[in-house]
Amino acid sequence: MSKFTINEELLGEIESLASVLKNNVAGMFGGNRQSKSFGSSCEFADYRDYLPGDDINRIDWNAYARFDKLYEKLYYDERQMHTRIYIDASRSMCHGSDEKASQALRIAACLAYLSVCEMEKVSIYAIHGSEIEEVISGMVGKESYITYINKLNDIEFLGDSHISEAIIPSNVGRGDGFSVIISDFLTDENYESAIDHLVSKKKDVICIQVLSAEEINPQMRGKMHLFDSEDATKTYRKKIDNDIVKAYKSALRFVIERIKNYCEARGAYYLLAPGNATIYDIFFTKMVDMGVLK
């Protein structure tokens, strides 16, 4: 993978995109965005049964008069949001001439910029095997962004990744903003448990599936010697004809629909990002259409 994926040209493109989206960003990527946790802000959120020891000042006496039962008022917590971005750093992310790894870094850089523009805190992690490498921690503000975002160029895409095994033991926060997983999701390993775990923590979850042009529409034909990019011991000799390609495309559609449906069933967002798609297409078209930016 070429170095300096995050460079001045890309940062200029991201800043230009943020200017176009500035009227849309605050609704979803804003430091004033309300968390899913309950706290002490002035905006009412919900009721729950009063329990001994609760603050009696939060009892709704009007509800008591109507239902002859004590209810406690809950309010939204308006604390600063924390965007956490997890990048699959396995070797398979380097597959394809349009470099999925580079696309993953560009998307992460853009998401981070949109967040810091609205004074959200941003942390970015690389997933290596069953471990999480903290690349950038608690970044806040544009000045900090310019200082630290180039650290994304230091991520090495090697070996395999176990998304759930890596994310679940880590500190993911609770109800404090977006959690974004960027991966090709072309794996037999369990990623569903990570999605469930993040949702259970009241996180806003986005799964971004990055696939190369060759993976979406393979052009290879004839006798081929193929190998597993994450396990060099697995090799395959195949004659690639139209029937094989048709079967592959059917299998790929199944993989895409599987994660898309899994996300939708749990209230998470799903986005397919081809490796050759532009940042403008991904954010201004796809993310607006799916409701992440609105």
C-alpha atoms as a PDB file:
ATOM      1  CA  MET A   1       0.000   0.000   0.000  1.00  0.00           C
ATOM      2  CA  SER A   2       1.356   3.435  -0.887  1.00  0.00           C
ATOM      3  CA  LYS A   3       2.362   5.685   2.010  1.00  0.00           C
ATOM      4  CA  PHE A   4       0.966   9.133   2.709  1.00  0.00           C
ATOM      5  CA  THR A   5      -2.657   8.221   2.067  1.00  0.00           C
ATOM      6  CA  ILE A   6      -3.457  11.042   4.485  1.00  0.00           C
ATOM      7  CA  ASN A   7      -1.822  14.066   2.854  1.00  0.00           C
ATOM      8  CA  GLU A   8      -2.492  17.759   2.225  1.00  0.00           C
ATOM      9  CA  GLU A   9      -4.508  17.073  -0.921  1.00  0.00           C
ATOM     10  CA  LEU A  10      -6.854  14.727   0.911  1.00  0.00           C
ATOM     11  CA  LEU A  11      -7.169  17.076   3.896  1.00  0.00           C
ATOM     12  CA  GLY A  12      -8.150  19.872   1.524  1.00  0.00           C
ATOM     13  CA  GLU A  13     -10.767  17.621  -0.044  1.00  0.00           C
ATOM     14  CA  ILE A  14     -12.132  16.686   3.386  1.00  0.00           C
ATOM     15  CA  GLU A  15     -12.314  20.325   4.502  1.00  0.00           C
ATOM     16  CA  SER A  16     -14.152  21.211   1.288  1.00  0.00           C
ATOM     17  CA  LEU A  17     -16.598  18.355   1.876  1.00  0.00           C
ATOM     18  CA  ALA A  18     -17.184  19.502   5.461  1.00  0.00           C
ATOM     19  CA  SER A  19     -18.041  22.975   4.161  1.00  0.00           C
ATOM     20  CA  VAL A  20     -20.628  21.520   1.788  1.00  0.00           C
ATOM     21  CA  LEU A  21     -22.108  19.422   4.590  1.00  0.00           C
ATOM     22  CA  LYS A  22     -21.878  22.043   7.342  1.00  0.00           C
ATOM     23  CA  ASN A  23     -25.639  22.499   7.565  1.00  0.00           C
ATOM     24  CA  ASN A  24     -26.156  18.730   7.798  1.00  0.00           C
ATOM     25  CA  VAL A  25     -23.384  17.704  10.161  1.00  0.00           C
ATOM     26  CA  ALA A  26     -24.686  19.055  13.470  1.00  0.00           C
ATOM     27  CA  GLY A  27     -27.670  16.704  13.584  1.00  0.00           C
ATOM     28  CA  MET A  28     -25.543  13.575  13.823  1.00  0.00           C
ATOM     29  CA  PHE A  29     -21.906  14.608  14.406  1.00  0.00           C
ATOM     30  CA  GLY A  30     -22.313  17.305  17.018  1.00  0.00           C
ATOM     31  CA  GLY A  31     -20.825  17.898  20.451  1.00  0.00           C
ATOM     32  CA  ASN A  32     -24.263  19.128  21.521  1.00  0.00           C
ATOM     33  CA  ARG A  33     -25.895  15.911  20.326  1.00  0.00           C
ATOM     34  CA  GLN A  34     -27.742  14.182  23.136  1.00  0.00           C
ATOM     35  CA  SER A  35     -26.419  10.850  24.273  1.00  0.00           C
ATOM     36  CA  LYS A  36     -28.516   7.760  24.863  1.00  0.00           C
ATOM     37  CA  SER A  37     -27.564   7.873  28.529  1.00  0.00           C
ATOM     38  CA  PHE A  38     -29.683   9.688  31.074  1.00  0.00           C
ATOM     39  CA  GLY A  39     -28.231  12.542  33.079  1.00  0.00           C
ATOM     40  CA  SER A  40     -28.966  15.996  34.394  1.00  0.00           C
ATOM     41  CA  SER A  41     -29.740  18.145  31.338  1.00  0.00           C
ATOM     42  CA  CYS A  42     -32.979  20.089  31.274  1.00  0.00           C
ATOM     43  CA  GLU A  43     -34.666  18.141  28.464  1.00  0.00           C
ATOM     44  CA  PHE A  44     -37.105  15.441  29.528  1.00  0.00           C
ATOM     45  CA  ALA A  45     -36.448  11.937  28.137  1.00  0.00           C
ATOM     46  CA  ASP A  46     -38.680   9.350  29.839  1.00  0.00           C
ATOM     47  CA  TYR A  47     -40.167   7.986  33.075  1.00  0.00           C
ATOM     48  CA  ARG A  48     -39.262   5.038  35.258  1.00  0.00           C
ATOM     49  CA  ASP A  49     -40.684   3.717  38.513  1.00  0.00           C
ATOM     50  CA  TYR A  50     -39.509   5.568  41.616  1.00  0.00           C
ATOM     51  CA  LEU A  51     -37.164   3.519  43.812  1.00  0.00           C
ATOM     52  CA  PRO A  52     -36.263   4.169  47.465  1.00  0.00           C
ATOM     53  CA  GLY A  53     -33.232   6.454  47.572  1.00  0.00           C
ATOM     54  CA  ASP A  54     -34.029   8.245  44.284  1.00  0.00           C
ATOM     55  CA  ASP A  55     -34.049  12.034  44.172  1.00  0.00           C
ATOM     56  CA  ILE A  56     -37.540  13.083  45.349  1.00  0.00           C
ATOM     57  CA  ASN A  57     -37.169  16.319  43.367  1.00  0.00           C
ATOM     58  CA  ARG A  58     -37.528  14.261  40.191  1.00  0.00           C
ATOM     59  CA  ILE A  59     -40.833  12.693  41.166  1.00  0.00           C
ATOM     60  CA  ASP A  60     -43.628  13.689  38.783  1.00  0.00           C
ATOM     61  CA  TRP A  61     -46.439  14.595  41.190  1.00  0.00           C
ATOM     62  CA  ASN A  62     -48.891  15.171  38.347  1.00  0.00           C
ATOM     63  CA  ALA A  63     -48.360  11.568  37.225  1.00  0.00           C
ATOM     64  CA  TYR A  64     -48.818  10.444  40.830  1.00  0.00           C
ATOM     65  CA  ALA A  65     -52.158  12.275  41.009  1.00  0.00           C
ATOM     66  CA  ARG A  66     -53.335  10.528  37.838  1.00  0.00           C
ATOM     67  CA  PHE A  67     -52.004   7.001  38.408  1.00  0.00           C
ATOM     68  CA  ASP A  68     -51.537   6.847  42.202  1.00  0.00           C
ATOM     69  CA  LYS A  69     -47.976   5.658  41.596  1.00  0.00           C
ATOM     70  CA  LEU A  70     -44.590   7.347  41.954  1.00  0.00           C
ATOM     71  CA  TYR A  71     -42.599   7.932  38.748  1.00  0.00           C
ATOM     72  CA  GLU A  72     -39.087   9.363  38.407  1.00  0.00           C
ATOM     73  CA  LYS A  73     -38.346  11.768  35.533  1.00  0.00           C
ATOM     74  CA  LEU A  74     -35.300  10.987  33.388  1.00  0.00           C
ATOM     75  CA  TYR A  75     -33.393  13.604  31.409  1.00  0.00           C
ATOM     76  CA  TYR A  76     -30.947  13.395  28.517  1.00  0.00           C
ATOM     77  CA  ASP A  77     -27.258  13.699  29.312  1.00  0.00           C
ATOM     78  CA  GLU A  78     -25.743  16.393  27.074  1.00  0.00           C
ATOM     79  CA  ARG A  79     -22.111  15.456  27.612  1.00  0.00           C
ATOM     80  CA  GLN A  80     -19.506  15.566  24.866  1.00  0.00           C
ATOM     81  CA  MET A  81     -19.856  12.737  22.369  1.00  0.00           C
ATOM     82  CA  HIS A  82     -17.015  10.308  21.603  1.00  0.00           C
ATOM     83  CA  THR A  83     -16.660   8.899  18.080  1.00  0.00           C
ATOM     84  CA  ARG A  84     -14.747   5.615  18.062  1.00  0.00           C
ATOM     85  CA  ILE A  85     -13.505   4.275  14.716  1.00  0.00           C
ATOM     86  CA  TYR A  86     -12.279   0.679  14.365  1.00  0.00           C
ATOM     87  CA  ILE A  87     -10.250  -0.176  11.245  1.00  0.00           C
ATOM     88  CA  ASP A  88      -9.805  -3.787  10.145  1.00  0.00           C
ATOM     89  CA  ALA A  89      -6.019  -3.926   9.618  1.00  0.00           C
ATOM     90  CA  SER A  90      -5.881  -7.444   8.157  1.00  0.00           C
ATOM     91  CA  ARG A  91      -3.913  -8.272   5.017  1.00  0.00           C
ATOM     92  CA  SER A  92      -7.087  -8.790   2.976  1.00  0.00           C
ATOM     93  CA  MET A  93      -7.731  -5.040   3.218  1.00  0.00           C
ATOM     94  CA  CYS A  94      -4.803  -4.536   0.810  1.00  0.00           C
ATOM     95  CA  HIS A  95      -6.473  -6.571  -1.936  1.00  0.00           C
ATOM     96  CA  GLY A  96      -7.294  -4.806  -5.196  1.00  0.00           C
ATOM     97  CA  SER A  97      -5.670  -2.194  -7.389  1.00  0.00           C
ATOM     98  CA  ASP A  98      -7.783   0.550  -5.788  1.00  0.00           C
ATOM     99  CA  GLU A  99      -6.531  -0.458  -2.342  1.00  0.00           C
ATOM    100  CA  LYS A 100      -9.243  -1.063   0.205  1.00  0.00           C
ATOM    101  CA  ALA A 101      -6.828  -0.100   2.961  1.00  0.00           C
ATOM    102  CA  SER A 102      -6.363   3.380   1.516  1.00  0.00           C
ATOM    103  CA  GLN A 103     -10.116   3.807   1.213  1.00  0.00           C
ATOM    104  CA  ALA A 104     -10.578   2.712   4.838  1.00  0.00           C
ATOM    105  CA  LEU A 105      -8.067   5.332   5.986  1.00  0.00           C
ATOM    106  CA  ARG A 106      -9.690   8.064   3.888  1.00  0.00           C
ATOM    107  CA  ILE A 107     -13.120   7.267   5.321  1.00  0.00           C
ATOM    108  CA  ALA A 108     -11.739   7.232   8.868  1.00  0.00           C
ATOM    109  CA  ALA A 109      -9.998  10.570   8.316  1.00  0.00           C
ATOM    110  CA  CYS A 110     -13.184  12.140   6.967  1.00  0.00           C
ATOM    111  CA  LEU A 111     -15.383  10.814   9.778  1.00  0.00           C
ATOM    112  CA  ALA A 112     -12.854  12.081  12.307  1.00  0.00           C
ATOM    113  CA  TYR A 113     -12.813  15.546  10.736  1.00  0.00           C
ATOM    114  CA  LEU A 114     -16.596  15.849  10.678  1.00  0.00           C
ATOM    115  CA  SER A 115     -16.598  14.890  14.365  1.00  0.00           C
ATOM    116  CA  VAL A 116     -13.892  17.292  15.536  1.00  0.00           C
ATOM    117  CA  CYS A 117     -15.544  20.139  13.593  1.00  0.00           C
ATOM    118  CA  GLU A 118     -18.484  19.712  15.964  1.00  0.00           C
ATOM    119  CA  MET A 119     -16.228  19.350  19.036  1.00  0.00           C
ATOM    120  CA  GLU A 120     -16.700  15.625  19.405  1.00  0.00           C
ATOM    121  CA  LYS A 121     -13.870  13.573  20.857  1.00  0.00           C
ATOM    122  CA  VAL A 122     -12.387  11.020  18.417  1.00  0.00           C
ATOM    123  CA  SER A 123     -10.403   7.826  18.962  1.00  0.00           C
ATOM    124  CA  ILE A 124      -9.203   5.573  16.135  1.00  0.00           C
ATOM    125  CA  TYR A 125      -8.118   1.952  16.540  1.00  0.00           C
ATOM    126  CA  ALA A 126      -6.542  -0.700  14.297  1.00  0.00           C
ATOM    127  CA  ILE A 127      -7.691  -4.301  14.718  1.00  0.00           C
ATOM    128  CA  HIS A 128      -4.796  -6.790  14.514  1.00  0.00           C
ATOM    129  CA  GLY A 129      -5.796 -10.382  15.192  1.00  0.00           C
ATOM    130  CA  SER A 130      -7.687 -10.348  18.502  1.00  0.00           C
ATOM    131  CA  GLU A 131      -6.047  -7.144  19.699  1.00  0.00           C
ATOM    132  CA  ILE A 132      -6.889  -3.455  19.375  1.00  0.00           C
ATOM    133  CA  GLU A 133      -4.079  -0.989  18.678  1.00  0.00           C
ATOM    134  CA  GLU A 134      -4.900   2.552  19.789  1.00  0.00           C
ATOM    135  CA  VAL A 135      -3.735   4.773  16.924  1.00  0.00           C
ATOM    136  CA  ILE A 136      -5.274   8.093  18.023  1.00  0.00           C
ATOM    137  CA  SER A 137      -6.832   8.656  21.449  1.00  0.00           C
ATOM    138  CA  GLY A 138      -9.274  11.357  22.533  1.00  0.00           C
ATOM    139  CA  MET A 139      -8.560  13.815  19.712  1.00  0.00           C
ATOM    140  CA  VAL A 140     -10.544  17.074  20.064  1.00  0.00           C
ATOM    141  CA  GLY A 141     -10.566  20.123  17.778  1.00  0.00           C
ATOM    142  CA  LYS A 142      -9.113  20.943  14.351  1.00  0.00           C
ATOM    143  CA  GLU A 143      -5.645  21.774  15.662  1.00  0.00           C
ATOM    144  CA  SER A 144      -5.367  18.362  17.315  1.00  0.00           C
ATOM    145  CA  TYR A 145      -6.683  16.761  14.120  1.00  0.00           C
ATOM    146  CA  ILE A 146      -3.950  18.342  11.985  1.00  0.00           C
ATOM    147  CA  THR A 147      -1.347  17.248  14.541  1.00  0.00           C
ATOM    148  CA  TYR A 148      -2.369  13.606  14.855  1.00  0.00           C
ATOM    149  CA  ILE A 149      -4.351  12.442  11.799  1.00  0.00           C
ATOM    150  CA  ASN A 150      -1.206  11.491   9.857  1.00  0.00           C
ATOM    151  CA  LYS A 151      -0.685   8.677  12.374  1.00  0.00           C
ATOM    152  CA  LEU A 152      -3.178   6.733  10.244  1.00  0.00           C
ATOM    153  CA  ASN A 153      -0.378   6.328   7.686  1.00  0.00           C
ATOM    154  CA  ASP A 154       1.533   4.211  10.222  1.00  0.00           C
ATOM    155  CA  ILE A 155      -1.110   1.458  10.328  1.00  0.00           C
ATOM    156  CA  GLU A 156       0.248  -1.790   8.895  1.00  0.00           C
ATOM    157  CA  PHE A 157      -2.228  -4.160   7.249  1.00  0.00           C
ATOM    158  CA  LEU A 158      -0.990  -7.648   8.090  1.00  0.00           C
ATOM    159  CA  GLY A 159      -2.314 -11.062   9.109  1.00  0.00           C
ATOM    160  CA  ASP A 160      -5.935 -11.591  10.034  1.00  0.00           C
ATOM    161  CA  SER A 161      -8.466  -9.870  12.292  1.00  0.00           C
ATOM    162  CA  HIS A 162     -11.062 -11.076  14.785  1.00  0.00           C
ATOM    163  CA  ILE A 163     -13.411  -8.142  15.119  1.00  0.00           C
ATOM    164  CA  SER A 164     -15.556  -9.353  17.994  1.00  0.00           C
ATOM    165  CA  GLU A 165     -12.660 -10.795  20.012  1.00  0.00           C
ATOM    166  CA  ALA A 166     -10.866  -7.460  19.708  1.00  0.00           C
ATOM    167  CA  ILE A 167     -13.689  -4.990  20.327  1.00  0.00           C
ATOM    168  CA  ILE A 168     -15.708  -6.657  23.107  1.00  0.00           C
ATOM    169  CA  PRO A 169     -12.977  -6.632  25.821  1.00  0.00           C
ATOM    170  CA  SER A 170     -12.043  -3.001  25.040  1.00  0.00           C
ATOM    171  CA  ASN A 171     -13.491   0.173  26.527  1.00  0.00           C
ATOM    172  CA  VAL A 172     -16.287   1.103  24.101  1.00  0.00           C
ATOM    173  CA  GLY A 173     -18.087   3.662  26.274  1.00  0.00           C
ATOM    174  CA  ARG A 174     -21.809   3.756  26.859  1.00  0.00           C
ATOM    175  CA  GLY A 175     -24.324   5.897  25.031  1.00  0.00           C
ATOM    176  CA  ASP A 176     -21.721   8.495  24.131  1.00  0.00           C
ATOM    177  CA  GLY A 177     -21.728   8.617  20.348  1.00  0.00           C
ATOM    178  CA  PHE A 178     -20.851   6.721  17.197  1.00  0.00           C
ATOM    179  CA  SER A 179     -18.898   3.486  16.932  1.00  0.00           C
ATOM    180  CA  VAL A 180     -17.748   2.838  13.361  1.00  0.00           C
ATOM    181  CA  ILE A 181     -16.360  -0.488  12.107  1.00  0.00           C
ATOM    182  CA  ILE A 182     -14.548  -0.262   8.739  1.00  0.00           C
ATOM    183  CA  SER A 183     -13.808  -3.675   7.205  1.00  0.00           C
ATOM    184  CA  ASP A 184     -14.350  -5.808   4.124  1.00  0.00           C
ATOM    185  CA  PHE A 185     -16.241  -8.263   6.389  1.00  0.00           C
ATOM    186  CA  LEU A 186     -15.057 -11.068   4.080  1.00  0.00           C
ATOM    187  CA  THR A 187     -14.426 -13.490   6.897  1.00  0.00           C
ATOM    188  CA  ASP A 188     -15.750 -16.593   8.567  1.00  0.00           C
ATOM    189  CA  GLU A 189     -14.853 -15.020  11.911  1.00  0.00           C
ATOM    190  CA  ASN A 190     -17.570 -13.668  14.184  1.00  0.00           C
ATOM    191  CA  TYR A 191     -18.274  -9.952  13.788  1.00  0.00           C
ATOM    192  CA  GLU A 192     -21.941 -10.090  14.814  1.00  0.00           C
ATOM    193  CA  SER A 193     -21.151 -10.215  18.541  1.00  0.00           C
ATOM    194  CA  ALA A 194     -19.245  -6.926  18.270  1.00  0.00           C
ATOM    195  CA  ILE A 195     -22.277  -5.246  16.693  1.00  0.00           C
ATOM    196  CA  ASP A 196     -24.567  -6.664  19.393  1.00  0.00           C
ATOM    197  CA  HIS A 197     -22.151  -5.557  22.114  1.00  0.00           C
ATOM    198  CA  LEU A 198     -21.935  -1.978  20.818  1.00  0.00           C
ATOM    199  CA  VAL A 199     -25.713  -1.754  20.404  1.00  0.00           C
ATOM    200  CA  SER A 200     -26.176  -3.075  23.959  1.00  0.00           C
ATOM    201  CA  LYS A 201     -23.968  -0.201  25.139  1.00  0.00           C
ATOM    202  CA  LYS A 202     -26.425   2.254  23.560  1.00  0.00           C
ATOM    203  CA  LYS A 203     -23.938   3.193  20.839  1.00  0.00           C
ATOM    204  CA  ASP A 204     -24.869   4.517  17.400  1.00  0.00           C
ATOM    205  CA  VAL A 205     -23.225   1.864  15.213  1.00  0.00           C
ATOM    206  CA  ILE A 206     -22.083   2.190  11.591  1.00  0.00           C
ATOM    207  CA  CYS A 207     -20.603  -0.763   9.684  1.00  0.00           C
ATOM    208  CA  ILE A 208     -18.782   0.327   6.525  1.00  0.00           C
ATOM    209  CA  GLN A 209     -17.929  -2.526   4.152  1.00  0.00           C
ATOM    210  CA  VAL A 210     -15.037  -1.641   1.841  1.00  0.00           C
ATOM    211  CA  LEU A 211     -14.670  -3.833  -1.246  1.00  0.00           C
ATOM    212  CA  SER A 212     -12.332  -3.473  -4.219  1.00  0.00           C
ATOM    213  CA  ALA A 213     -13.560  -3.151  -7.795  1.00  0.00           C
ATOM    214  CA  GLU A 214     -12.120  -6.637  -8.501  1.00  0.00           C
ATOM    215  CA  GLU A 215     -14.117  -8.112  -5.642  1.00  0.00           C
ATOM    216  CA  ILE A 216     -17.361  -6.477  -6.741  1.00  0.00           C
ATOM    217  CA  ASN A 217     -16.928  -7.273 -10.425  1.00  0.00           C
ATOM    218  CA  PRO A 218     -14.084  -9.794 -10.991  1.00  0.00           C
ATOM    219  CA  GLN A 219     -12.480  -9.797 -14.437  1.00  0.00           C
ATOM    220  CA  MET A 220     -10.151 -12.798 -14.077  1.00  0.00           C
ATOM    221  CA  ARG A 221     -10.689 -15.782 -16.389  1.00  0.00           C
ATOM    222  CA  GLY A 222      -8.781 -18.943 -17.228  1.00  0.00           C
ATOM    223  CA  LYS A 223      -6.517 -21.104 -15.078  1.00  0.00           C
ATOM    224  CA  MET A 224      -5.649 -19.294 -11.879  1.00  0.00           C
ATOM    225  CA  HIS A 225      -3.570 -20.042  -8.779  1.00  0.00           C
ATOM    226  CA  LEU A 226      -5.318 -18.246  -5.917  1.00  0.00           C
ATOM    227  CA  PHE A 227      -4.253 -17.827  -2.302  1.00  0.00           C
ATOM    228  CA  ASP A 228      -5.854 -16.660   0.903  1.00  0.00           C
ATOM    229  CA  SER A 229      -4.417 -13.219   1.683  1.00  0.00           C
ATOM    230  CA  GLU A 230      -4.743 -13.806   5.438  1.00  0.00           C
ATOM    231  CA  ASP A 231      -3.502 -17.417   5.492  1.00  0.00           C
ATOM    232  CA  ALA A 232      -0.675 -18.222   3.083  1.00  0.00           C
ATOM    233  CA  THR A 233      -1.128 -21.961   3.701  1.00  0.00           C
ATOM    234  CA  LYS A 234      -4.479 -21.903   1.889  1.00  0.00           C
ATOM    235  CA  THR A 235      -4.103 -21.976  -1.904  1.00  0.00           C
ATOM    236  CA  TYR A 236      -6.514 -22.852  -4.687  1.00  0.00           C
ATOM    237  CA  ARG A 237      -6.012 -23.846  -8.305  1.00  0.00           C
ATOM    238  CA  LYS A 238      -9.119 -23.128 -10.327  1.00  0.00           C
ATOM    239  CA  LYS A 239     -10.184 -22.627 -13.892  1.00  0.00           C
ATOM    240  CA  ILE A 240     -12.217 -19.434 -13.707  1.00  0.00           C
ATOM    241  CA  ASP A 241     -15.080 -19.495 -16.212  1.00  0.00           C
ATOM    242  CA  ASN A 242     -18.414 -17.673 -16.389  1.00  0.00           C
ATOM    243  CA  ASP A 243     -20.158 -20.241 -14.172  1.00  0.00           C
ATOM    244  CA  ILE A 244     -17.544 -19.770 -11.432  1.00  0.00           C
ATOM    245  CA  VAL A 245     -17.871 -15.983 -11.652  1.00  0.00           C
ATOM    246  CA  LYS A 246     -21.658 -16.227 -11.501  1.00  0.00           C
ATOM    247  CA  ALA A 247     -21.440 -18.430  -8.393  1.00  0.00           C
ATOM    248  CA  TYR A 248     -18.953 -16.006  -6.817  1.00  0.00           C
ATOM    249  CA  LYS A 249     -21.218 -13.012  -7.404  1.00  0.00           C
ATOM    250  CA  SER A 250     -24.127 -14.891  -5.854  1.00  0.00           C
ATOM    251  CA  ALA A 251     -21.998 -15.693  -2.795  1.00  0.00           C
ATOM    252  CA  LEU A 252     -20.877 -12.055  -2.541  1.00  0.00           C
ATOM    253  CA  ARG A 253     -24.480 -10.841  -2.639  1.00  0.00           C
ATOM    254  CA  PHE A 254     -25.232 -13.231   0.219  1.00  0.00           C
ATOM    255  CA  VAL A 255     -22.312 -11.844   2.268  1.00  0.00           C
ATOM    256  CA  ILE A 256     -23.406  -8.242   1.652  1.00  0.00           C
ATOM    257  CA  GLU A 257     -27.072  -8.911   2.431  1.00  0.00           C
ATOM    258  CA  ARG A 258     -26.107 -10.850   5.548  1.00  0.00           C
ATOM    259  CA  ILE A 259     -24.315  -7.970   7.229  1.00  0.00           C
ATOM    260  CA  LYS A 260     -26.729  -5.352   5.871  1.00  0.00           C
ATOM    261  CA  ASN A 261     -29.760  -7.209   7.256  1.00  0.00           C
ATOM    262  CA  TYR A 262     -27.965  -7.913  10.540  1.00  0.00           C
ATOM    263  CA  CYS A 263     -27.254  -4.213  11.017  1.00  0.00           C
ATOM    264  CA  GLU A 264     -30.751  -3.103  10.073  1.00  0.00           C
ATOM    265  CA  ALA A 265     -32.348  -5.620  12.440  1.00  0.00           C
ATOM    266  CA  ARG A 266     -30.391  -4.077  15.316  1.00  0.00           C
ATOM    267  CA  GLY A 267     -30.860  -0.426  14.459  1.00  0.00           C
ATOM    268  CA  ALA A 268     -27.294  -0.054  13.167  1.00  0.00           C
ATOM    269  CA  TYR A 269     -26.293   1.617   9.893  1.00  0.00           C
ATOM    270  CA  TYR A 270     -24.698  -0.274   6.998  1.00  0.00           C
ATOM    271  CA  LEU A 271     -22.827   1.262   4.062  1.00  0.00           C
ATOM    272  CA  LEU A 272     -21.061  -0.398   1.111  1.00  0.00           C
ATOM    273  CA  ALA A 273     -18.038   1.658   0.048  1.00  0.00           C
ATOM    274  CA  PRO A 274     -16.286   0.496  -3.150  1.00  0.00           C
ATOM    275  CA  GLY A 275     -12.552   1.020  -3.032  1.00  0.00           C
ATOM    276  CA  ASN A 276     -12.693   3.292  -6.087  1.00  0.00           C
ATOM    277  CA  ALA A 277     -15.568   5.488  -4.828  1.00  0.00           C
ATOM    278  CA  THR A 278     -14.802   9.139  -4.117  1.00  0.00           C
ATOM    279  CA  ILE A 279     -15.099  10.701  -0.683  1.00  0.00           C
ATOM    280  CA  TYR A 280     -17.849  12.944  -2.061  1.00  0.00           C
ATOM    281  CA  ASP A 281     -19.838   9.957  -3.285  1.00  0.00           C
ATOM    282  CA  ILE A 282     -19.508   8.113   0.025  1.00  0.00           C
ATOM    283  CA  PHE A 283     -20.407  11.036   2.273  1.00  0.00           C
ATOM    284  CA  PHE A 284     -22.496  13.432   0.234  1.00  0.00           C
ATOM    285  CA  THR A 285     -24.542  10.747  -1.499  1.00  0.00           C
ATOM    286  CA  LYS A 286     -24.452   7.452   0.401  1.00  0.00           C
ATOM    287  CA  MET A 287     -24.380   8.761   3.980  1.00  0.00           C
ATOM    288  CA  VAL A 288     -27.013  11.400   3.307  1.00  0.00           C
ATOM    289  CA  ASP A 289     -29.235   8.807   1.621  1.00  0.00           C
ATOM    290  CA  MET A 290     -28.912   6.379   4.534  1.00  0.00           C
ATOM    291  CA  GLY A 291     -29.650   9.081   7.102  1.00  0.00           C
ATOM    292  CA  VAL A 292     -26.278   9.271   8.891  1.00  0.00           C
ATOM    293  CA  LEU A 293     -25.985  12.846   7.640  1.00  0.00           C
ATOM    294  CA  LYS A 294     -29.254  14.680   7.264  1.00  0.00           C
END
